[in-house]
Amino acid sequence: MALLRPSVDVRPVTEFRANTSAVLEQIHATKRPVILTQHGRSAAVLLDVDVYESLVDEVAVIRDLRVAEAQLDAGMGIPHEVVEKRLRQRYQK
């Protein structure tokens, strides 16, 4: 994801309402998020759909890695040689 540029990527919600199409075009063109503010405070983040999907996928991979690391720490790992042997037996039939 591209770096946030506060000078153009932070906008009040009223400006977003008045210029929705332009803000959406900016998000799609730059791939940067836009932060919407309400009463001077952050209220929401708008993301390009492709950027959002990429972030969700990345989070899923990181969660899978954490589970795998916990399983290895708990002694639930299987040595590579054992897995290789099982796969060869299964697919060489």
PDB file of N, CA and C in Angstrom:
ATOM      1  N   MET A   1       0.847  -1.171   0.000  1.00  0.00           N
ATOM      2  CA  MET A   1       0.000   0.000   0.000  1.00  0.00           C
ATOM      3  C   MET A   1       0.895   1.236   0.000  1.00  0.00           C
ATOM      4  N   ALA A   2       0.514   2.216  -0.786  1.00  0.00           N
ATOM      5  CA  ALA A   2       1.280   3.455  -0.881  1.00  0.00           C
ATOM      6  C   ALA A   2       1.183   4.235   0.432  1.00  0.00           C
ATOM      7  N   LEU A   3       2.204   5.039   0.685  1.00  0.00           N
ATOM      8  CA  LEU A   3       2.236   5.826   1.915  1.00  0.00           C
ATOM      9  C   LEU A   3       1.149   6.895   1.916  1.00  0.00           C
ATOM     10  N   LEU A   4       0.602   7.107   3.090  1.00  0.00           N
ATOM     11  CA  LEU A   4      -0.418   8.130   3.282  1.00  0.00           C
ATOM     12  C   LEU A   4       0.199   9.522   3.149  1.00  0.00           C
ATOM     13  N   ARG A   5      -0.499  10.394   2.460  1.00  0.00           N
ATOM     14  CA  ARG A   5      -0.066  11.793   2.328  1.00  0.00           C
ATOM     15  C   ARG A   5      -1.133  12.655   3.004  1.00  0.00           C
ATOM     16  N   PRO A   6      -0.915  13.020   4.262  1.00  0.00           N
ATOM     17  CA  PRO A   6      -1.942  13.741   5.019  1.00  0.00           C
ATOM     18  C   PRO A   6      -2.469  14.999   4.338  1.00  0.00           C
ATOM     19  N   SER A   7      -1.642  15.660   3.542  1.00  0.00           N
ATOM     20  CA  SER A   7      -2.092  16.899   2.894  1.00  0.00           C
ATOM     21  C   SER A   7      -3.232  16.663   1.906  1.00  0.00           C
ATOM     22  N   VAL A   8      -3.328  15.472   1.335  1.00  0.00           N
ATOM     23  CA  VAL A   8      -4.400  15.193   0.364  1.00  0.00           C
ATOM     24  C   VAL A   8      -5.237  13.967   0.724  1.00  0.00           C
ATOM     25  N   ASP A   9      -4.789  13.173   1.686  1.00  0.00           N
ATOM     26  CA  ASP A   9      -5.477  11.919   1.988  1.00  0.00           C
ATOM     27  C   ASP A   9      -6.302  11.963   3.268  1.00  0.00           C
ATOM     28  N   VAL A  10      -6.357  13.104   3.926  1.00  0.00           N
ATOM     29  CA  VAL A  10      -7.210  13.269   5.101  1.00  0.00           C
ATOM     30  C   VAL A  10      -8.230  14.337   4.757  1.00  0.00           C
ATOM     31  N   ARG A  11      -9.503  13.941   4.832  1.00  0.00           N
ATOM     32  CA  ARG A  11     -10.560  14.867   4.403  1.00  0.00           C
ATOM     33  C   ARG A  11     -11.738  14.804   5.369  1.00  0.00           C
ATOM     34  N   PRO A  12     -12.400  15.930   5.555  1.00  0.00           N
ATOM     35  CA  PRO A  12     -13.623  15.905   6.368  1.00  0.00           C
ATOM     36  C   PRO A  12     -14.730  15.149   5.640  1.00  0.00           C
ATOM     37  N   VAL A  13     -15.601  14.534   6.391  1.00  0.00           N
ATOM     38  CA  VAL A  13     -16.691  13.769   5.803  1.00  0.00           C
ATOM     39  C   VAL A  13     -17.589  14.665   4.948  1.00  0.00           C
ATOM     40  N   THR A  14     -17.730  15.921   5.313  1.00  0.00           N
ATOM     41  CA  THR A  14     -18.562  16.838   4.507  1.00  0.00           C
ATOM     42  C   THR A  14     -17.959  17.050   3.120  1.00  0.00           C
ATOM     43  N   GLU A  15     -16.626  17.127   3.051  1.00  0.00           N
ATOM     44  CA  GLU A  15     -15.971  17.256   1.742  1.00  0.00           C
ATOM     45  C   GLU A  15     -16.166  15.979   0.923  1.00  0.00           C
ATOM     46  N   PHE A  16     -16.087  14.837   1.594  1.00  0.00           N
ATOM     47  CA  PHE A  16     -16.321  13.566   0.904  1.00  0.00           C
ATOM     48  C   PHE A  16     -17.728  13.521   0.332  1.00  0.00           C
ATOM     49  N   ARG A  17     -18.713  13.927   1.126  1.00  0.00           N
ATOM     50  CA  ARG A  17     -20.100  13.932   0.645  1.00  0.00           C
ATOM     51  C   ARG A  17     -20.256  14.825  -0.585  1.00  0.00           C
ATOM     52  N   ALA A  18     -19.577  15.953  -0.581  1.00  0.00           N
ATOM     53  CA  ALA A  18     -19.701  16.909  -1.683  1.00  0.00           C
ATOM     54  C   ALA A  18     -18.925  16.467  -2.924  1.00  0.00           C
ATOM     55  N   ASN A  19     -17.883  15.647  -2.735  1.00  0.00           N
ATOM     56  CA  ASN A  19     -17.007  15.272  -3.852  1.00  0.00           C
ATOM     57  C   ASN A  19     -16.750  13.763  -3.891  1.00  0.00           C
ATOM     58  N   THR A  20     -17.768  12.983  -3.668  1.00  0.00           N
ATOM     59  CA  THR A  20     -17.603  11.528  -3.564  1.00  0.00           C
ATOM     60  C   THR A  20     -16.890  10.939  -4.772  1.00  0.00           C
ATOM     61  N   SER A  21     -17.323  11.277  -5.963  1.00  0.00           N
ATOM     62  CA  SER A  21     -16.716  10.696  -7.169  1.00  0.00           C
ATOM     63  C   SER A  21     -15.236  11.041  -7.272  1.00  0.00           C
ATOM     64  N   ALA A  22     -14.892  12.274  -6.985  1.00  0.00           N
ATOM     65  CA  ALA A  22     -13.494  12.694  -7.076  1.00  0.00           C
ATOM     66  C   ALA A  22     -12.631  11.964  -6.047  1.00  0.00           C
ATOM     67  N   VAL A  23     -13.149  11.797  -4.850  1.00  0.00           N
ATOM     68  CA  VAL A  23     -12.385  11.094  -3.808  1.00  0.00           C
ATOM     69  C   VAL A  23     -12.199   9.632  -4.210  1.00  0.00           C
ATOM     70  N   LEU A  24     -13.251   9.005  -4.708  1.00  0.00           N
ATOM     71  CA  LEU A  24     -13.134   7.610  -5.145  1.00  0.00           C
ATOM     72  C   LEU A  24     -12.147   7.474  -6.300  1.00  0.00           C
ATOM     73  N   GLU A  25     -12.167   8.413  -7.227  1.00  0.00           N
ATOM     74  CA  GLU A  25     -11.196   8.384  -8.328  1.00  0.00           C
ATOM     75  C   GLU A  25      -9.768   8.508  -7.794  1.00  0.00           C
ATOM     76  N   GLN A  26      -9.574   9.372  -6.804  1.00  0.00           N
ATOM     77  CA  GLN A  26      -8.248   9.532  -6.190  1.00  0.00           C
ATOM     78  C   GLN A  26      -7.788   8.210  -5.558  1.00  0.00           C
ATOM     79  N   ILE A  27      -8.687   7.562  -4.842  1.00  0.00           N
ATOM     80  CA  ILE A  27      -8.342   6.294  -4.174  1.00  0.00           C
ATOM     81  C   ILE A  27      -7.944   5.249  -5.203  1.00  0.00           C
ATOM     82  N   HIS A  28      -8.713   5.145  -6.269  1.00  0.00           N
ATOM     83  CA  HIS A  28      -8.409   4.154  -7.313  1.00  0.00           C
ATOM     84  C   HIS A  28      -7.106   4.481  -8.035  1.00  0.00           C
ATOM     85  N   ALA A  29      -6.858   5.756  -8.282  1.00  0.00           N
ATOM     86  CA  ALA A  29      -5.655   6.161  -9.027  1.00  0.00           C
ATOM     87  C   ALA A  29      -4.384   6.026  -8.199  1.00  0.00           C
ATOM     88  N   THR A  30      -4.444   6.417  -6.939  1.00  0.00           N
ATOM     89  CA  THR A  30      -3.229   6.450  -6.113  1.00  0.00           C
ATOM     90  C   THR A  30      -2.997   5.169  -5.319  1.00  0.00           C
ATOM     91  N   LYS A  31      -4.061   4.396  -5.107  1.00  0.00           N
ATOM     92  CA  LYS A  31      -4.023   3.188  -4.261  1.00  0.00           C
ATOM     93  C   LYS A  31      -3.707   3.526  -2.807  1.00  0.00           C
ATOM     94  N   ARG A  32      -3.817   4.820  -2.445  1.00  0.00           N
ATOM     95  CA  ARG A  32      -3.604   5.240  -1.062  1.00  0.00           C
ATOM     96  C   ARG A  32      -4.961   5.325  -0.366  1.00  0.00           C
ATOM     97  N   PRO A  33      -4.992   5.050   0.934  1.00  0.00           N
ATOM     98  CA  PRO A  33      -6.255   5.208   1.662  1.00  0.00           C
ATOM     99  C   PRO A  33      -6.583   6.687   1.844  1.00  0.00           C
ATOM    100  N   VAL A  34      -7.846   6.963   2.054  1.00  0.00           N
ATOM    101  CA  VAL A  34      -8.292   8.299   2.433  1.00  0.00           C
ATOM    102  C   VAL A  34      -8.920   8.167   3.812  1.00  0.00           C
ATOM    103  N   ILE A  35      -8.490   9.031   4.722  1.00  0.00           N
ATOM    104  CA  ILE A  35      -9.039   9.041   6.069  1.00  0.00           C
ATOM    105  C   ILE A  35     -10.085  10.144   6.137  1.00  0.00           C
ATOM    106  N   LEU A  36     -11.278   9.768   6.553  1.00  0.00           N
ATOM    107  CA  LEU A  36     -12.345  10.739   6.716  1.00  0.00           C
ATOM    108  C   LEU A  36     -12.405  11.172   8.170  1.00  0.00           C
ATOM    109  N   THR A  37     -12.559  12.472   8.368  1.00  0.00           N
ATOM    110  CA  THR A  37     -12.658  12.993   9.726  1.00  0.00           C
ATOM    111  C   THR A  37     -14.062  13.532   9.965  1.00  0.00           C
ATOM    112  N   GLN A  38     -14.450  13.495  11.227  1.00  0.00           N
ATOM    113  CA  GLN A  38     -15.738  14.043  11.629  1.00  0.00           C
ATOM    114  C   GLN A  38     -15.502  14.775  12.944  1.00  0.00           C
ATOM    115  N   HIS A  39     -15.854  16.029  12.972  1.00  0.00           N
ATOM    116  CA  HIS A  39     -15.612  16.872  14.149  1.00  0.00           C
ATOM    117  C   HIS A  39     -14.123  16.892  14.502  1.00  0.00           C
ATOM    118  N   GLY A  40     -13.278  16.886  13.468  1.00  0.00           N
ATOM    119  CA  GLY A  40     -11.840  16.999  13.669  1.00  0.00           C
ATOM    120  C   GLY A  40     -11.144  15.721  14.113  1.00  0.00           C
ATOM    121  N   ARG A  41     -11.862  14.610  14.144  1.00  0.00           N
ATOM    122  CA  ARG A  41     -11.267  13.340  14.580  1.00  0.00           C
ATOM    123  C   ARG A  41     -11.446  12.288  13.485  1.00  0.00           C
ATOM    124  N   SER A  42     -10.515  11.361  13.427  1.00  0.00           N
ATOM    125  CA  SER A  42     -10.609  10.272  12.450  1.00  0.00           C
ATOM    126  C   SER A  42     -11.911   9.507  12.662  1.00  0.00           C
ATOM    127  N   ALA A  43     -12.617   9.226  11.552  1.00  0.00           N
ATOM    128  CA  ALA A  43     -13.902   8.535  11.646  1.00  0.00           C
ATOM    129  C   ALA A  43     -13.946   7.269  10.798  1.00  0.00           C
ATOM    130  N   ALA A  44     -13.245   7.264   9.659  1.00  0.00           N
ATOM    131  CA  ALA A  44     -13.300   6.105   8.770  1.00  0.00           C
ATOM    132  C   ALA A  44     -12.114   6.140   7.812  1.00  0.00           C
ATOM    133  N   VAL A  45     -11.823   4.978   7.248  1.00  0.00           N
ATOM    134  CA  VAL A  45     -10.763   4.858   6.251  1.00  0.00           C
ATOM    135  C   VAL A  45     -11.367   4.250   4.996  1.00  0.00           C
ATOM    136  N   LEU A  46     -11.137   4.878   3.864  1.00  0.00           N
ATOM    137  CA  LEU A  46     -11.589   4.348   2.577  1.00  0.00           C
ATOM    138  C   LEU A  46     -10.393   3.748   1.858  1.00  0.00           C
ATOM    139  N   LEU A  47     -10.573   2.522   1.350  1.00  0.00           N
ATOM    140  CA  LEU A  47      -9.495   1.825   0.646  1.00  0.00           C
ATOM    141  C   LEU A  47      -9.959   1.379  -0.718  1.00  0.00           C
ATOM    142  N   ASP A  48      -9.040   1.330  -1.656  1.00  0.00           N
ATOM    143  CA  ASP A  48      -9.284   0.701  -2.947  1.00  0.00           C
ATOM    144  C   ASP A  48      -9.576  -0.775  -2.704  1.00  0.00           C
ATOM    145  N   VAL A  49     -10.494  -1.347  -3.439  1.00  0.00           N
ATOM    146  CA  VAL A  49     -10.904  -2.739  -3.223  1.00  0.00           C
ATOM    147  C   VAL A  49      -9.720  -3.695  -3.366  1.00  0.00           C
ATOM    148  N   ASP A  50      -8.884  -3.507  -4.376  1.00  0.00           N
ATOM    149  CA  ASP A  50      -7.732  -4.397  -4.558  1.00  0.00           C
ATOM    150  C   ASP A  50      -6.767  -4.307  -3.380  1.00  0.00           C
ATOM    151  N   VAL A  51      -6.569  -3.105  -2.867  1.00  0.00           N
ATOM    152  CA  VAL A  51      -5.696  -2.914  -1.705  1.00  0.00           C
ATOM    153  C   VAL A  51      -6.295  -3.612  -0.491  1.00  0.00           C
ATOM    154  N   TYR A  52      -7.598  -3.454  -0.307  1.00  0.00           N
ATOM    155  CA  TYR A  52      -8.284  -4.094   0.820  1.00  0.00           C
ATOM    156  C   TYR A  52      -8.143  -5.615   0.742  1.00  0.00           C
ATOM    157  N   GLU A  53      -8.419  -6.190  -0.428  1.00  0.00           N
ATOM    158  CA  GLU A  53      -8.315  -7.646  -0.592  1.00  0.00           C
ATOM    159  C   GLU A  53      -6.894  -8.126  -0.323  1.00  0.00           C
ATOM    160  N   SER A  54      -5.915  -7.374  -0.774  1.00  0.00           N
ATOM    161  CA  SER A  54      -4.524  -7.725  -0.534  1.00  0.00           C
ATOM    162  C   SER A  54      -4.201  -7.723   0.963  1.00  0.00           C
ATOM    163  N   LEU A  55      -4.695  -6.719   1.675  1.00  0.00           N
ATOM    164  CA  LEU A  55      -4.476  -6.655   3.122  1.00  0.00           C
ATOM    165  C   LEU A  55      -5.143  -7.819   3.844  1.00  0.00           C
ATOM    166  N   VAL A  56      -6.362  -8.152   3.442  1.00  0.00           N
ATOM    167  CA  VAL A  56      -7.073  -9.280   4.059  1.00  0.00           C
ATOM    168  C   VAL A  56      -6.312 -10.582   3.811  1.00  0.00           C
ATOM    169  N   ASP A  57      -5.830 -10.768   2.593  1.00  0.00           N
ATOM    170  CA  ASP A  57      -5.045 -11.966   2.277  1.00  0.00           C
ATOM    171  C   ASP A  57      -3.770 -12.024   3.114  1.00  0.00           C
ATOM    172  N   GLU A  58      -3.101 -10.888   3.250  1.00  0.00           N
ATOM    173  CA  GLU A  58      -1.860 -10.837   4.024  1.00  0.00           C
ATOM    174  C   GLU A  58      -2.114 -11.174   5.495  1.00  0.00           C
ATOM    175  N   VAL A  59      -3.189 -10.654   6.040  1.00  0.00           N
ATOM    176  CA  VAL A  59      -3.535 -10.957   7.427  1.00  0.00           C
ATOM    177  C   VAL A  59      -3.816 -12.446   7.594  1.00  0.00           C
ATOM    178  N   ALA A  60      -4.505 -13.057   6.632  1.00  0.00           N
ATOM    179  CA  ALA A  60      -4.795 -14.487   6.703  1.00  0.00           C
ATOM    180  C   ALA A  60      -3.509 -15.308   6.715  1.00  0.00           C
ATOM    181  N   VAL A  61      -2.550 -14.943   5.879  1.00  0.00           N
ATOM    182  CA  VAL A  61      -1.265 -15.657   5.843  1.00  0.00           C
ATOM    183  C   VAL A  61      -0.531 -15.506   7.167  1.00  0.00           C
ATOM    184  N   ILE A  62      -0.533 -14.302   7.714  1.00  0.00           N
ATOM    185  CA  ILE A  62       0.147 -14.072   8.992  1.00  0.00           C
ATOM    186  C   ILE A  62      -0.506 -14.888  10.098  1.00  0.00           C
ATOM    187  N   ARG A  63      -1.828 -14.970  10.097  1.00  0.00           N
ATOM    188  CA  ARG A  63      -2.522 -15.788  11.108  1.00  0.00           C
ATOM    189  C   ARG A  63      -2.157 -17.257  10.949  1.00  0.00           C
ATOM    190  N   ASP A  64      -2.099 -17.733   9.705  1.00  0.00           N
ATOM    191  CA  ASP A  64      -1.711 -19.127   9.468  1.00  0.00           C
ATOM    192  C   ASP A  64      -0.293 -19.386   9.971  1.00  0.00           C
ATOM    193  N   LEU A  65       0.602 -18.428   9.750  1.00  0.00           N
ATOM    194  CA  LEU A  65       1.980 -18.583  10.229  1.00  0.00           C
ATOM    195  C   LEU A  65       2.032 -18.652  11.754  1.00  0.00           C
ATOM    196  N   ARG A  66       1.235 -17.834  12.407  1.00  0.00           N
ATOM    197  CA  ARG A  66       1.201 -17.866  13.878  1.00  0.00           C
ATOM    198  C   ARG A  66       0.703 -19.213  14.388  1.00  0.00           C
ATOM    199  N   VAL A  67      -0.325 -19.745  13.741  1.00  0.00           N
ATOM    200  CA  VAL A  67      -0.838 -21.065  14.136  1.00  0.00           C
ATOM    201  C   VAL A  67       0.247 -22.111  13.930  1.00  0.00           C
ATOM    202  N   ALA A  68       0.913 -22.070  12.784  1.00  0.00           N
ATOM    203  CA  ALA A  68       1.968 -23.048  12.484  1.00  0.00           C
ATOM    204  C   ALA A  68       3.110 -22.938  13.491  1.00  0.00           C
ATOM    205  N   GLU A  69       3.504 -21.724  13.833  1.00  0.00           N
ATOM    206  CA  GLU A  69       4.578 -21.544  14.815  1.00  0.00           C
ATOM    207  C   GLU A  69       4.167 -22.089  16.173  1.00  0.00           C
ATOM    208  N   ALA A  70       2.930 -21.859  16.568  1.00  0.00           N
ATOM    209  CA  ALA A  70       2.441 -22.381  17.850  1.00  0.00           C
ATOM    210  C   ALA A  70       2.426 -23.906  17.844  1.00  0.00           C
ATOM    211  N   GLN A  71       2.032 -24.477  16.702  1.00  0.00           N
ATOM    212  CA  GLN A  71       2.026 -25.942  16.596  1.00  0.00           C
ATOM    213  C   GLN A  71       3.439 -26.493  16.675  1.00  0.00           C
ATOM    214  N   LEU A  72       4.379 -25.837  16.030  1.00  0.00           N
ATOM    215  CA  LEU A  72       5.771 -26.282  16.102  1.00  0.00           C
ATOM    216  C   LEU A  72       6.302 -26.166  17.525  1.00  0.00           C
ATOM    217  N   ASP A  73       5.989 -25.060  18.194  1.00  0.00           N
ATOM    218  CA  ASP A  73       6.423 -24.869  19.574  1.00  0.00           C
ATOM    219  C   ASP A  73       5.829 -25.934  20.496  1.00  0.00           C
ATOM    220  N   ALA A  74       4.641 -26.433  20.150  1.00  0.00           N
ATOM    221  CA  ALA A  74       3.974 -27.455  20.959  1.00  0.00           C
ATOM    222  C   ALA A  74       4.428 -28.869  20.578  1.00  0.00           C
ATOM    223  N   GLY A  75       5.405 -28.951  19.672  1.00  0.00           N
ATOM    224  CA  GLY A  75       5.916 -30.262  19.283  1.00  0.00           C
ATOM    225  C   GLY A  75       5.046 -30.998  18.286  1.00  0.00           C
ATOM    226  N   MET A  76       4.197 -30.279  17.596  1.00  0.00           N
ATOM    227  CA  MET A  76       3.274 -30.918  16.653  1.00  0.00           C
ATOM    228  C   MET A  76       3.818 -30.961  15.229  1.00  0.00           C
ATOM    229  N   GLY A  77       5.075 -30.581  15.046  1.00  0.00           N
ATOM    230  CA  GLY A  77       5.667 -30.579  13.715  1.00  0.00           C
ATOM    231  C   GLY A  77       5.979 -31.987  13.236  1.00  0.00           C
ATOM    232  N   ILE A  78       6.045 -32.149  11.937  1.00  0.00           N
ATOM    233  CA  ILE A  78       6.405 -33.429  11.324  1.00  0.00           C
ATOM    234  C   ILE A  78       7.689 -33.191  10.535  1.00  0.00           C
ATOM    235  N   PRO A  79       8.718 -34.000  10.770  1.00  0.00           N
ATOM    236  CA  PRO A  79       9.973 -33.820  10.036  1.00  0.00           C
ATOM    237  C   PRO A  79       9.763 -33.911   8.527  1.00  0.00           C
ATOM    238  N   HIS A  80      10.528 -33.143   7.793  1.00  0.00           N
ATOM    239  CA  HIS A  80      10.430 -33.087   6.342  1.00  0.00           C
ATOM    240  C   HIS A  80      10.536 -34.481   5.717  1.00  0.00           C
ATOM    241  N   GLU A  81      11.458 -35.271   6.219  1.00  0.00           N
ATOM    242  CA  GLU A  81      11.668 -36.604   5.647  1.00  0.00           C
ATOM    243  C   GLU A  81      10.418 -37.469   5.759  1.00  0.00           C
ATOM    244  N   VAL A  82       9.700 -37.348   6.867  1.00  0.00           N
ATOM    245  CA  VAL A  82       8.472 -38.134   7.070  1.00  0.00           C
ATOM    246  C   VAL A  82       7.397 -37.683   6.093  1.00  0.00           C
ATOM    247  N   VAL A  83       7.238 -36.379   5.938  1.00  0.00           N
ATOM    248  CA  VAL A  83       6.241 -35.849   5.007  1.00  0.00           C
ATOM    249  C   VAL A  83       6.576 -36.274   3.585  1.00  0.00           C
ATOM    250  N   GLU A  84       7.827 -36.159   3.216  1.00  0.00           N
ATOM    251  CA  GLU A  84       8.256 -36.548   1.872  1.00  0.00           C
ATOM    252  C   GLU A  84       7.941 -38.014   1.609  1.00  0.00           C
ATOM    253  N   LYS A  85       8.234 -38.873   2.583  1.00  0.00           N
ATOM    254  CA  LYS A  85       7.976 -40.307   2.437  1.00  0.00           C
ATOM    255  C   LYS A  85       6.481 -40.575   2.270  1.00  0.00           C
ATOM    256  N   ARG A  86       5.657 -39.926   3.084  1.00  0.00           N
ATOM    257  CA  ARG A  86       4.200 -40.105   2.999  1.00  0.00           C
ATOM    258  C   ARG A  86       3.676 -39.657   1.632  1.00  0.00           C
ATOM    259  N   LEU A  87       4.150 -38.522   1.145  1.00  0.00           N
ATOM    260  CA  LEU A  87       3.691 -38.017  -0.149  1.00  0.00           C
ATOM    261  C   LEU A  87       4.114 -38.935  -1.290  1.00  0.00           C
ATOM    262  N   ARG A  88       5.337 -39.441  -1.223  1.00  0.00           N
ATOM    263  CA  ARG A  88       5.795 -40.360  -2.269  1.00  0.00           C
ATOM    264  C   ARG A  88       4.944 -41.622  -2.278  1.00  0.00           C
ATOM    265  N   GLN A  89       4.653 -42.145  -1.109  1.00  0.00           N
ATOM    266  CA  GLN A  89       3.829 -43.350  -1.011  1.00  0.00           C
ATOM    267  C   GLN A  89       2.417 -43.091  -1.575  1.00  0.00           C
ATOM    268  N   ARG A  90       1.869 -41.929  -1.270  1.00  0.00           N
ATOM    269  CA  ARG A  90       0.515 -41.619  -1.691  1.00  0.00           C
ATOM    270  C   ARG A  90       0.409 -41.415  -3.190  1.00  0.00           C
ATOM    271  N   TYR A  91       1.390 -40.752  -3.795  1.00  0.00           N
ATOM    272  CA  TYR A  91       1.278 -40.356  -5.194  1.00  0.00           C
ATOM    273  C   TYR A  91       2.047 -41.224  -6.175  1.00  0.00           C
ATOM    274  N   GLN A  92       2.751 -42.225  -5.698  1.00  0.00           N
ATOM    275  CA  GLN A  92       3.452 -43.105  -6.613  1.00  0.00           C
ATOM    276  C   GLN A  92       2.705 -44.407  -6.823  1.00  0.00           C
ATOM    277  N   LYS A  93       1.480 -44.457  -6.445  1.00  0.00           N
ATOM    278  CA  LYS A  93       0.681 -45.680  -6.620  1.00  0.00           C
ATOM    279  C   LYS A  93       0.132 -45.799  -7.998  1.00  0.00           C
TER     280      LYS A  93
END
